Every structure is written in C-alpha cells, then in structure tokens.
Amino acid sequence: MSRPRPEPVHVVQKRRDAALRALVHGVPYVEFLGIEFDRRGDELTALLPFSDKLIGNPMLPAIHGGVTAAFLETSAIIELGWSILWDQIESGQVDPEELTPGQLPQFPKTIGFTVDYLRSGLPRTAYARARVVRSGRRYASVHVEAWQDKRDRLFAQATGHFLMPMFDE
C-alpha cells in the first residue's frame, strides 16, 4: 500500500500566503500604518516601512511612541493569530480560500501590553519579531522585539497578555 503523494510545495506555500494575507488585511489599522509581514515557514517578521506620517517629533525626527506601540502590539496579535491559524490550515480545518475579512477567526483580545522604549525610532524601516511565550486555552503571553538597522540593537520591546478567543468544541 503506497502513501498518498504530498502536495507540491508551491501549492502549500500559496495556501499559507493566502491565509496570512487574509489575516493581515482584515485589520484596517494595519493597512493605515502600512505594516507588512514577511513569512519564512511559520516564522513572521513584521515590517513598518518609513513614512512621514509616522513621525512624532519632527525635531529629532523620531517615530511616534504610539506608532511604535501599535506596531509592536499588531506584531504580537498577528503572530498569535497566525500560530492559531497555522494549525487550523495544516490540519485542514480552515480553507484559506474562504478566509475573507468577514470570515476570519477571532483575534485574541489584549488584556495588558507593556512597552519598553529603548531608544528613538529613526526615520527608516522598522522590523519586529514576536515570540509566543505561553499559549493556553484562555490566556496567552507574547514578547516582541523591534529593531531597525541591526537585529541586536533594539529600539523597543514589549510584553503582551491576551485573552484567547473561545472556540466551539
């Protein structure tokens, strides 16, 4: 008895990219800020391309603290949503072709979010990577780090605590 052939890699990648696109573009604020996500396997890196509208202090100039916090929180929520969606896509529970902004799984809700501003965000592209520290049925904790030119020279980091969406069992 032979095993079924695995799906071609390009089909799997297309399905995963469609799911990520639906997840990210389902949030209008992500669109407004211009946040993008680069996917490598199941790992996401958030990108915040520089734009003049992001500047809070034109004298420095520096990225607004609220924009920095929003970028970090968005990165955390998308990472957490992606980790949930990844398992559902891989198991076949969710068809990425059916994911539209109205059909997206519920996002986790922020309980608390603490940002450490380590230095000014310069007028250039920023990057962030979130790591799920703990994810249970009701609660999740995520740590996010943001940098610009050098990965080991962070300009901000954050820890978020989230209430997980309730799924029918």
N, C-alpha and C. Protein backbone atom coordinates (compact mmCIF):
# COMPACT_ATOMS: atom_id res chain seq x y z
N MET A 1 0.85 -1.18 0.00
CA MET A 1 0.00 0.00 0.00
C MET A 1 0.89 1.24 0.00
N SER A 2 0.69 2.12 -0.94
CA SER A 2 1.53 3.31 -1.02
C SER A 2 0.84 4.49 -0.33
N ARG A 3 1.68 5.37 0.18
CA ARG A 3 1.17 6.58 0.83
C ARG A 3 0.77 7.59 -0.23
N PRO A 4 -0.21 8.43 0.09
CA PRO A 4 -0.58 9.47 -0.88
C PRO A 4 0.58 10.45 -1.05
N ARG A 5 0.70 10.94 -2.27
CA ARG A 5 1.76 11.92 -2.56
C ARG A 5 1.50 13.21 -1.81
N PRO A 6 2.56 13.79 -1.23
CA PRO A 6 2.37 15.09 -0.58
C PRO A 6 2.05 16.17 -1.61
N GLU A 7 1.38 17.19 -1.14
CA GLU A 7 1.06 18.31 -2.04
C GLU A 7 2.34 18.96 -2.53
N PRO A 8 2.33 19.49 -3.74
CA PRO A 8 3.51 20.22 -4.23
C PRO A 8 3.77 21.44 -3.34
N VAL A 9 5.03 21.77 -3.16
CA VAL A 9 5.44 22.86 -2.28
C VAL A 9 4.77 24.18 -2.66
N HIS A 10 4.69 24.47 -3.95
CA HIS A 10 4.10 25.75 -4.37
C HIS A 10 2.62 25.85 -3.99
N VAL A 11 1.91 24.73 -3.94
CA VAL A 11 0.51 24.73 -3.55
C VAL A 11 0.39 25.03 -2.05
N VAL A 12 1.25 24.40 -1.26
CA VAL A 12 1.26 24.62 0.19
C VAL A 12 1.61 26.08 0.49
N GLN A 13 2.64 26.60 -0.19
CA GLN A 13 3.06 27.99 0.04
C GLN A 13 1.95 28.96 -0.36
N LYS A 14 1.29 28.70 -1.45
CA LYS A 14 0.21 29.58 -1.91
C LYS A 14 -0.92 29.61 -0.88
N ARG A 15 -1.25 28.45 -0.33
CA ARG A 15 -2.31 28.36 0.69
C ARG A 15 -1.92 29.14 1.95
N ARG A 16 -0.68 28.98 2.39
CA ARG A 16 -0.21 29.69 3.59
C ARG A 16 -0.17 31.19 3.36
N ASP A 17 0.32 31.62 2.19
CA ASP A 17 0.39 33.05 1.89
C ASP A 17 -1.00 33.67 1.81
N ALA A 18 -1.96 32.95 1.25
CA ALA A 18 -3.33 33.45 1.15
C ALA A 18 -3.92 33.63 2.55
N ALA A 19 -3.64 32.70 3.44
CA ALA A 19 -4.15 32.79 4.81
C ALA A 19 -3.52 33.98 5.53
N LEU A 20 -2.23 34.19 5.38
CA LEU A 20 -1.56 35.32 6.02
C LEU A 20 -2.10 36.64 5.47
N ARG A 21 -2.28 36.72 4.17
CA ARG A 21 -2.81 37.93 3.55
C ARG A 21 -4.19 38.26 4.11
N ALA A 22 -5.04 37.26 4.21
CA ALA A 22 -6.39 37.47 4.75
C ALA A 22 -6.32 37.93 6.21
N LEU A 23 -5.44 37.34 6.97
CA LEU A 23 -5.29 37.69 8.39
C LEU A 23 -4.84 39.14 8.53
N VAL A 24 -3.82 39.53 7.80
CA VAL A 24 -3.24 40.87 7.91
C VAL A 24 -4.17 41.93 7.33
N HIS A 25 -4.74 41.68 6.17
CA HIS A 25 -5.57 42.68 5.51
C HIS A 25 -6.97 42.77 6.10
N GLY A 26 -7.26 41.95 7.08
CA GLY A 26 -8.55 42.03 7.77
C GLY A 26 -8.53 43.08 8.87
N VAL A 27 -7.40 43.76 9.07
CA VAL A 27 -7.26 44.76 10.13
C VAL A 27 -6.98 46.12 9.47
N PRO A 28 -7.96 47.03 9.43
CA PRO A 28 -7.77 48.31 8.74
C PRO A 28 -6.58 49.13 9.26
N TYR A 29 -6.31 49.08 10.56
CA TYR A 29 -5.22 49.88 11.12
C TYR A 29 -3.86 49.40 10.59
N VAL A 30 -3.75 48.11 10.34
CA VAL A 30 -2.52 47.56 9.75
C VAL A 30 -2.31 48.18 8.38
N GLU A 31 -3.38 48.28 7.62
CA GLU A 31 -3.34 48.90 6.29
C GLU A 31 -2.94 50.37 6.40
N PHE A 32 -3.53 51.09 7.36
CA PHE A 32 -3.24 52.51 7.52
C PHE A 32 -1.76 52.75 7.83
N LEU A 33 -1.20 51.98 8.75
CA LEU A 33 0.20 52.16 9.10
C LEU A 33 1.14 51.63 8.02
N GLY A 34 0.64 50.73 7.18
CA GLY A 34 1.47 50.16 6.12
C GLY A 34 2.30 48.97 6.58
N ILE A 35 1.90 48.35 7.68
CA ILE A 35 2.64 47.21 8.21
C ILE A 35 2.51 46.02 7.26
N GLU A 36 3.63 45.38 6.99
CA GLU A 36 3.67 44.20 6.14
C GLU A 36 4.28 43.06 6.95
N PHE A 37 4.08 41.83 6.48
CA PHE A 37 4.66 40.67 7.15
C PHE A 37 5.39 39.80 6.14
N ASP A 38 6.60 39.43 6.51
CA ASP A 38 7.41 38.53 5.69
C ASP A 38 7.35 37.16 6.35
N ARG A 39 6.92 36.15 5.60
CA ARG A 39 6.77 34.79 6.14
C ARG A 39 7.87 33.89 5.62
N ARG A 40 8.53 33.22 6.53
CA ARG A 40 9.51 32.19 6.19
C ARG A 40 9.09 30.95 6.99
N GLY A 41 8.43 30.00 6.31
CA GLY A 41 7.87 28.87 7.03
C GLY A 41 6.78 29.39 7.94
N ASP A 42 6.84 29.03 9.23
CA ASP A 42 5.84 29.52 10.16
C ASP A 42 6.32 30.76 10.92
N GLU A 43 7.50 31.29 10.56
CA GLU A 43 8.06 32.45 11.25
C GLU A 43 7.69 33.74 10.51
N LEU A 44 7.23 34.72 11.27
CA LEU A 44 6.84 36.01 10.70
C LEU A 44 7.77 37.12 11.18
N THR A 45 8.10 38.02 10.28
CA THR A 45 8.79 39.26 10.64
C THR A 45 7.91 40.39 10.15
N ALA A 46 7.58 41.31 11.06
CA ALA A 46 6.77 42.47 10.70
C ALA A 46 7.69 43.57 10.18
N LEU A 47 7.21 44.30 9.18
CA LEU A 47 7.95 45.43 8.61
C LEU A 47 7.06 46.66 8.68
N LEU A 48 7.64 47.75 9.16
CA LEU A 48 6.95 49.03 9.18
C LEU A 48 7.75 49.97 8.29
N PRO A 49 7.39 50.04 6.99
CA PRO A 49 8.13 50.93 6.08
C PRO A 49 7.99 52.38 6.54
N PHE A 50 9.07 53.13 6.44
CA PHE A 50 9.04 54.51 6.90
C PHE A 50 8.11 55.35 6.04
N SER A 51 7.40 56.25 6.72
CA SER A 51 6.54 57.23 6.08
C SER A 51 6.55 58.47 6.97
N ASP A 52 6.45 59.65 6.39
CA ASP A 52 6.44 60.88 7.19
C ASP A 52 5.31 60.92 8.21
N LYS A 53 4.19 60.25 7.92
CA LYS A 53 3.05 60.27 8.85
C LYS A 53 3.36 59.56 10.17
N LEU A 54 4.45 58.78 10.22
CA LEU A 54 4.82 58.04 11.43
C LEU A 54 5.63 58.89 12.41
N ILE A 55 6.09 60.06 11.99
CA ILE A 55 6.96 60.89 12.81
C ILE A 55 6.15 61.58 13.92
N GLY A 56 6.65 61.45 15.14
CA GLY A 56 6.01 62.12 16.27
C GLY A 56 6.75 63.39 16.65
N ASN A 57 8.07 63.35 16.59
CA ASN A 57 8.87 64.52 16.92
C ASN A 57 9.69 64.91 15.69
N PRO A 58 9.24 65.95 14.96
CA PRO A 58 9.95 66.33 13.74
C PRO A 58 11.32 66.97 14.01
N MET A 59 11.58 67.38 15.25
CA MET A 59 12.87 67.98 15.57
C MET A 59 13.99 66.93 15.59
N LEU A 60 13.66 65.70 15.96
CA LEU A 60 14.71 64.65 16.04
C LEU A 60 15.09 64.11 14.66
N PRO A 61 14.34 63.71 13.77
CA PRO A 61 12.96 63.22 13.83
C PRO A 61 12.92 61.79 14.39
N ALA A 62 11.80 61.45 15.01
CA ALA A 62 11.65 60.12 15.61
C ALA A 62 10.25 59.59 15.37
N ILE A 63 10.15 58.27 15.24
CA ILE A 63 8.84 57.62 15.09
C ILE A 63 8.03 57.87 16.36
N HIS A 64 6.78 58.20 16.20
CA HIS A 64 5.88 58.47 17.33
C HIS A 64 5.80 57.24 18.24
N GLY A 65 5.80 57.46 19.53
CA GLY A 65 5.72 56.36 20.50
C GLY A 65 4.45 55.54 20.36
N GLY A 66 3.35 56.19 20.01
CA GLY A 66 2.10 55.46 19.81
C GLY A 66 2.17 54.55 18.59
N VAL A 67 2.86 55.01 17.55
CA VAL A 67 3.05 54.19 16.36
C VAL A 67 3.92 52.98 16.71
N THR A 68 4.97 53.22 17.49
CA THR A 68 5.85 52.12 17.92
C THR A 68 5.05 51.09 18.72
N ALA A 69 4.24 51.56 19.68
CA ALA A 69 3.43 50.64 20.49
C ALA A 69 2.43 49.88 19.62
N ALA A 70 1.79 50.58 18.67
CA ALA A 70 0.83 49.93 17.78
C ALA A 70 1.51 48.88 16.91
N PHE A 71 2.70 49.21 16.43
CA PHE A 71 3.47 48.26 15.61
C PHE A 71 3.80 47.00 16.41
N LEU A 72 4.24 47.17 17.65
CA LEU A 72 4.57 46.03 18.49
C LEU A 72 3.32 45.21 18.84
N GLU A 73 2.24 45.88 19.21
CA GLU A 73 1.01 45.16 19.56
C GLU A 73 0.43 44.43 18.35
N THR A 74 0.44 45.07 17.20
CA THR A 74 -0.03 44.43 15.98
C THR A 74 0.81 43.20 15.67
N SER A 75 2.12 43.32 15.81
CA SER A 75 3.02 42.18 15.56
C SER A 75 2.68 41.02 16.49
N ALA A 76 2.42 41.33 17.76
CA ALA A 76 2.09 40.29 18.74
C ALA A 76 0.76 39.61 18.40
N ILE A 77 -0.25 40.40 18.08
CA ILE A 77 -1.58 39.85 17.79
C ILE A 77 -1.56 39.02 16.51
N ILE A 78 -0.89 39.52 15.47
CA ILE A 78 -0.83 38.76 14.22
C ILE A 78 -0.05 37.46 14.43
N GLU A 79 1.05 37.51 15.19
CA GLU A 79 1.82 36.29 15.48
C GLU A 79 0.95 35.28 16.22
N LEU A 80 0.22 35.74 17.21
CA LEU A 80 -0.65 34.85 17.98
C LEU A 80 -1.78 34.29 17.09
N GLY A 81 -2.39 35.16 16.30
CA GLY A 81 -3.44 34.71 15.37
C GLY A 81 -2.89 33.74 14.34
N TRP A 82 -1.67 34.02 13.86
CA TRP A 82 -1.02 33.15 12.87
C TRP A 82 -0.73 31.78 13.47
N SER A 83 -0.29 31.75 14.72
CA SER A 83 0.02 30.46 15.34
C SER A 83 -1.23 29.60 15.47
N ILE A 84 -2.36 30.23 15.73
CA ILE A 84 -3.64 29.51 15.80
C ILE A 84 -4.07 29.07 14.40
N LEU A 85 -4.02 30.01 13.46
CA LEU A 85 -4.45 29.74 12.09
C LEU A 85 -3.58 28.69 11.41
N TRP A 86 -2.26 28.73 11.67
CA TRP A 86 -1.32 27.78 11.08
C TRP A 86 -1.78 26.34 11.34
N ASP A 87 -2.07 26.04 12.60
CA ASP A 87 -2.50 24.68 12.95
C ASP A 87 -3.82 24.32 12.26
N GLN A 88 -4.74 25.28 12.18
CA GLN A 88 -6.03 25.02 11.56
C GLN A 88 -5.90 24.80 10.04
N ILE A 89 -4.97 25.52 9.41
CA ILE A 89 -4.74 25.35 7.97
C ILE A 89 -4.07 24.01 7.70
N GLU A 90 -3.05 23.72 8.47
CA GLU A 90 -2.29 22.48 8.26
C GLU A 90 -3.14 21.24 8.51
N SER A 91 -4.09 21.33 9.45
CA SER A 91 -4.96 20.19 9.74
C SER A 91 -6.13 20.10 8.77
N GLY A 92 -6.34 21.14 7.95
CA GLY A 92 -7.45 21.14 7.00
C GLY A 92 -8.75 21.67 7.57
N GLN A 93 -8.75 22.15 8.83
CA GLN A 93 -9.96 22.70 9.44
C GLN A 93 -10.40 23.99 8.76
N VAL A 94 -9.43 24.75 8.25
CA VAL A 94 -9.71 26.04 7.63
C VAL A 94 -9.21 26.02 6.20
N ASP A 95 -10.06 26.47 5.28
CA ASP A 95 -9.67 26.61 3.89
C ASP A 95 -9.30 28.07 3.66
N PRO A 96 -8.01 28.36 3.37
CA PRO A 96 -7.58 29.74 3.19
C PRO A 96 -8.32 30.49 2.09
N GLU A 97 -8.84 29.76 1.11
CA GLU A 97 -9.58 30.40 0.03
C GLU A 97 -10.89 31.01 0.54
N GLU A 98 -11.39 30.50 1.66
CA GLU A 98 -12.64 31.01 2.22
C GLU A 98 -12.41 32.12 3.24
N LEU A 99 -11.15 32.42 3.54
CA LEU A 99 -10.85 33.46 4.53
C LEU A 99 -11.00 34.84 3.89
N THR A 100 -11.97 35.56 4.37
CA THR A 100 -12.17 36.94 3.96
C THR A 100 -12.26 37.74 5.25
N PRO A 101 -12.16 39.06 5.20
CA PRO A 101 -12.24 39.83 6.44
C PRO A 101 -13.46 39.48 7.30
N GLY A 102 -14.58 39.13 6.69
CA GLY A 102 -15.76 38.76 7.46
C GLY A 102 -15.74 37.33 7.98
N GLN A 103 -14.85 36.51 7.45
CA GLN A 103 -14.79 35.09 7.82
C GLN A 103 -13.55 34.72 8.63
N LEU A 104 -12.80 35.71 9.08
CA LEU A 104 -11.58 35.42 9.82
C LEU A 104 -11.88 34.87 11.21
N PRO A 105 -10.98 34.02 11.71
CA PRO A 105 -11.14 33.60 13.11
C PRO A 105 -11.02 34.83 14.01
N GLN A 106 -11.58 34.76 15.18
CA GLN A 106 -11.49 35.88 16.11
C GLN A 106 -10.04 36.09 16.53
N PHE A 107 -9.69 37.36 16.69
CA PHE A 107 -8.36 37.70 17.19
C PHE A 107 -8.36 37.64 18.72
N PRO A 108 -7.21 37.34 19.30
CA PRO A 108 -7.10 37.44 20.76
C PRO A 108 -7.32 38.90 21.18
N LYS A 109 -7.84 39.10 22.39
CA LYS A 109 -8.08 40.45 22.91
C LYS A 109 -6.96 40.81 23.89
N THR A 110 -6.47 42.03 23.78
CA THR A 110 -5.39 42.49 24.64
C THR A 110 -5.90 42.70 26.06
N ILE A 111 -5.23 42.07 27.02
CA ILE A 111 -5.51 42.28 28.44
C ILE A 111 -4.58 43.36 28.97
N GLY A 112 -3.30 43.23 28.65
CA GLY A 112 -2.30 44.20 29.07
C GLY A 112 -1.14 44.20 28.09
N PHE A 113 -0.54 45.37 27.91
CA PHE A 113 0.56 45.48 26.97
C PHE A 113 1.55 46.50 27.50
N THR A 114 2.78 46.06 27.77
CA THR A 114 3.81 46.92 28.33
C THR A 114 4.93 47.11 27.32
N VAL A 115 5.23 48.36 27.01
CA VAL A 115 6.26 48.69 26.03
C VAL A 115 7.47 49.29 26.74
N ASP A 116 8.64 48.82 26.37
CA ASP A 116 9.90 49.42 26.82
C ASP A 116 10.49 50.15 25.63
N TYR A 117 10.57 51.48 25.73
CA TYR A 117 11.19 52.29 24.68
C TYR A 117 12.68 52.38 25.00
N LEU A 118 13.51 51.77 24.20
CA LEU A 118 14.94 51.67 24.48
C LEU A 118 15.75 52.80 23.86
N ARG A 119 15.29 53.31 22.73
CA ARG A 119 15.92 54.45 22.04
C ARG A 119 14.93 54.97 21.01
N SER A 120 15.23 56.10 20.41
CA SER A 120 14.33 56.67 19.41
C SER A 120 14.29 55.80 18.16
N GLY A 121 13.08 55.66 17.63
CA GLY A 121 12.94 55.00 16.33
C GLY A 121 13.28 56.02 15.25
N LEU A 122 14.27 55.73 14.45
CA LEU A 122 14.75 56.66 13.43
C LEU A 122 13.84 56.65 12.20
N PRO A 123 13.94 57.67 11.35
CA PRO A 123 13.10 57.71 10.16
C PRO A 123 13.57 56.72 9.09
N ARG A 124 13.34 55.46 9.36
CA ARG A 124 13.67 54.39 8.41
C ARG A 124 12.80 53.17 8.73
N THR A 125 12.86 52.18 7.91
CA THR A 125 12.04 50.97 8.10
C THR A 125 12.37 50.30 9.42
N ALA A 126 11.32 49.85 10.10
CA ALA A 126 11.48 49.13 11.37
C ALA A 126 11.00 47.69 11.17
N TYR A 127 11.57 46.80 11.96
CA TYR A 127 11.24 45.38 11.90
C TYR A 127 10.86 44.91 13.29
N ALA A 128 10.02 43.90 13.37
CA ALA A 128 9.65 43.33 14.66
C ALA A 128 9.42 41.84 14.51
N ARG A 129 9.77 41.14 15.56
CA ARG A 129 9.50 39.71 15.59
C ARG A 129 8.91 39.39 16.96
N ALA A 130 7.80 38.67 16.94
CA ALA A 130 7.10 38.29 18.17
C ALA A 130 7.32 36.81 18.43
N ARG A 131 7.34 36.48 19.72
CA ARG A 131 7.50 35.09 20.13
C ARG A 131 6.43 34.78 21.16
N VAL A 132 5.64 33.75 20.90
CA VAL A 132 4.61 33.34 21.84
C VAL A 132 5.31 32.63 23.00
N VAL A 133 5.20 33.22 24.17
CA VAL A 133 5.85 32.66 25.36
C VAL A 133 4.99 31.58 25.98
N ARG A 134 3.69 31.84 26.03
CA ARG A 134 2.74 30.87 26.56
C ARG A 134 1.42 31.03 25.83
N SER A 135 0.82 29.93 25.44
CA SER A 135 -0.48 29.99 24.81
C SER A 135 -1.32 28.83 25.32
N GLY A 136 -2.36 29.17 26.04
CA GLY A 136 -3.27 28.15 26.57
C GLY A 136 -4.65 28.36 25.97
N ARG A 137 -5.61 27.68 26.57
CA ARG A 137 -6.99 27.77 26.06
C ARG A 137 -7.60 29.15 26.30
N ARG A 138 -7.22 29.81 27.38
CA ARG A 138 -7.85 31.08 27.74
C ARG A 138 -6.92 32.29 27.70
N TYR A 139 -5.63 32.05 27.82
CA TYR A 139 -4.68 33.14 28.02
C TYR A 139 -3.41 32.88 27.21
N ALA A 140 -2.81 33.97 26.73
CA ALA A 140 -1.52 33.85 26.03
C ALA A 140 -0.64 35.03 26.41
N SER A 141 0.66 34.78 26.36
CA SER A 141 1.66 35.81 26.63
C SER A 141 2.62 35.83 25.45
N VAL A 142 2.94 37.06 24.97
CA VAL A 142 3.78 37.22 23.79
C VAL A 142 4.84 38.28 24.08
N HIS A 143 6.07 38.03 23.64
CA HIS A 143 7.16 39.00 23.75
C HIS A 143 7.52 39.46 22.33
N VAL A 144 7.71 40.77 22.16
CA VAL A 144 8.01 41.34 20.84
C VAL A 144 9.25 42.21 20.94
N GLU A 145 10.09 42.12 19.92
CA GLU A 145 11.28 42.98 19.84
C GLU A 145 11.28 43.71 18.51
N ALA A 146 11.67 45.00 18.54
CA ALA A 146 11.72 45.82 17.32
C ALA A 146 13.11 46.41 17.14
N TRP A 147 13.56 46.44 15.90
CA TRP A 147 14.87 46.99 15.57
C TRP A 147 14.78 47.69 14.22
N GLN A 148 15.86 48.35 13.86
CA GLN A 148 15.89 48.99 12.55
C GLN A 148 17.07 48.50 11.72
N ASP A 149 18.25 48.90 12.03
CA ASP A 149 19.39 48.52 11.20
C ASP A 149 20.07 47.23 11.65
N LYS A 150 20.18 47.05 12.95
CA LYS A 150 20.86 45.86 13.49
C LYS A 150 19.92 45.10 14.40
N ARG A 151 19.77 43.82 14.15
CA ARG A 151 18.85 42.97 14.91
C ARG A 151 19.16 42.98 16.41
N ASP A 152 20.43 43.11 16.77
CA ASP A 152 20.79 43.08 18.19
C ASP A 152 20.80 44.48 18.84
N ARG A 153 20.34 45.48 18.10
CA ARG A 153 20.23 46.85 18.64
C ARG A 153 18.75 47.25 18.61
N LEU A 154 18.02 46.79 19.61
CA LEU A 154 16.58 47.03 19.67
C LEU A 154 16.28 48.50 19.97
N PHE A 155 15.19 49.01 19.40
CA PHE A 155 14.75 50.35 19.79
C PHE A 155 13.51 50.28 20.68
N ALA A 156 12.85 49.12 20.71
CA ALA A 156 11.71 48.93 21.60
C ALA A 156 11.45 47.43 21.75
N GLN A 157 10.83 47.10 22.87
CA GLN A 157 10.38 45.73 23.10
C GLN A 157 9.11 45.80 23.93
N ALA A 158 8.36 44.72 23.91
CA ALA A 158 7.09 44.72 24.64
C ALA A 158 6.72 43.31 25.06
N THR A 159 5.88 43.26 26.08
CA THR A 159 5.28 42.01 26.51
C THR A 159 3.78 42.24 26.57
N GLY A 160 3.05 41.33 25.95
CA GLY A 160 1.60 41.45 25.92
C GLY A 160 0.93 40.22 26.49
N HIS A 161 -0.20 40.45 27.13
CA HIS A 161 -1.02 39.37 27.67
C HIS A 161 -2.38 39.45 26.99
N PHE A 162 -2.86 38.30 26.52
CA PHE A 162 -4.04 38.29 25.67
C PHE A 162 -5.05 37.25 26.14
N LEU A 163 -6.32 37.59 25.98
CA LEU A 163 -7.41 36.66 26.22
C LEU A 163 -7.66 35.94 24.91
N MET A 164 -7.60 34.65 24.94
CA MET A 164 -7.75 33.86 23.73
C MET A 164 -9.22 33.76 23.34
N PRO A 165 -9.51 33.75 22.04
CA PRO A 165 -10.90 33.60 21.61
C PRO A 165 -11.43 32.21 22.00
N MET A 166 -12.69 32.16 22.31
CA MET A 166 -13.31 30.89 22.67
C MET A 166 -13.81 30.22 21.39
N PHE A 167 -13.41 28.98 21.21
CA PHE A 167 -13.83 28.22 20.02
C PHE A 167 -14.82 27.16 20.47
N ASP A 168 -15.78 26.87 19.59
CA ASP A 168 -16.72 25.79 19.89
C ASP A 168 -15.96 24.48 19.90
N GLU A 169 -16.27 23.66 20.87
CA GLU A 169 -15.56 22.38 20.96
C GLU A 169 -16.47 21.24 20.65
